[in-house]
Amino acid sequence: MKNILLLEDLPEIRAWLKVLINQVFPDAQISESARVHDALGLVGALRFDLALVDLGLPDGSGVDVVAALREQQPECQSVVVTIHDDDEHLFPALQAGAFGYVLKEQARELIAEQLSRMSQGEPPLSPSIARRVIAYFAAQAKPQKDMIPHVQLTDRENEVLLRVAKGFTLPEIGVQLNLSRHTIADYVKQIYRKLNVSSRAEAALEAQRLGLFGRGR
């Protein structure tokens, strides 16, 4: 991550987020903004590898910045860093293209760890957010079986997918299945490719759609 956009209006929070960024990505150049309007200007002028985006800004919602990045810089990974853990904020952010969704109330060390795992293709997603996504889709009516496209996953891939959807980290899944984290990362990449998904939120939806939550694993 060489160029990072940091959108946060509170100076004290922006300060510790910069510390985390410097810790995880020591060579990165950080462009700061406290307003949606200014952040959109930066998106139009500079190229970013990563964006850490707050949602509630003085002049609007960070969701607009996430959407602009997806449209103008699809290679940039947007991660929401917010206090909001409700559906009204979560799902619009994911639909706009957020790669991850992290709550500020988490320990800073955990946020740093989640950001560092992005290099392995693991989206940063707070455990409570992963559970909320699962609960949301579990509450939806199940589609008819004849409407579900056939997706061929191995038993091991199903096991990994279920645990990813439940919010477990790659090391945790490795311990549960007695496999290395790198092996689990390979499984996750293969699963995402087969299912044509790119985030834990989408993986949770697919796990629900495939009926994995009812298998008692």
Foldseek 3Di string as FASTA:
>chain_A
DAEEEEEAQDVVVSVVVVVLCCVQPVNHDYDYDQAPVVLLVCLVPDAHQEYEFEADGPHHGSLVVLLSCCVRPVNHAYEYEYQDLDPVPPPSSVVSPHQEYHYPPDDSVLVSVQVNCVVLLAHHYDLSSLVVLLVVLLPDDADDPVVDDDFDDDPVLLLLLVCLSNPDQLCVSCVVVVHDSNVSSVSVVVSCVRVVHRHSSVSSNVNVNVVSVVPPD
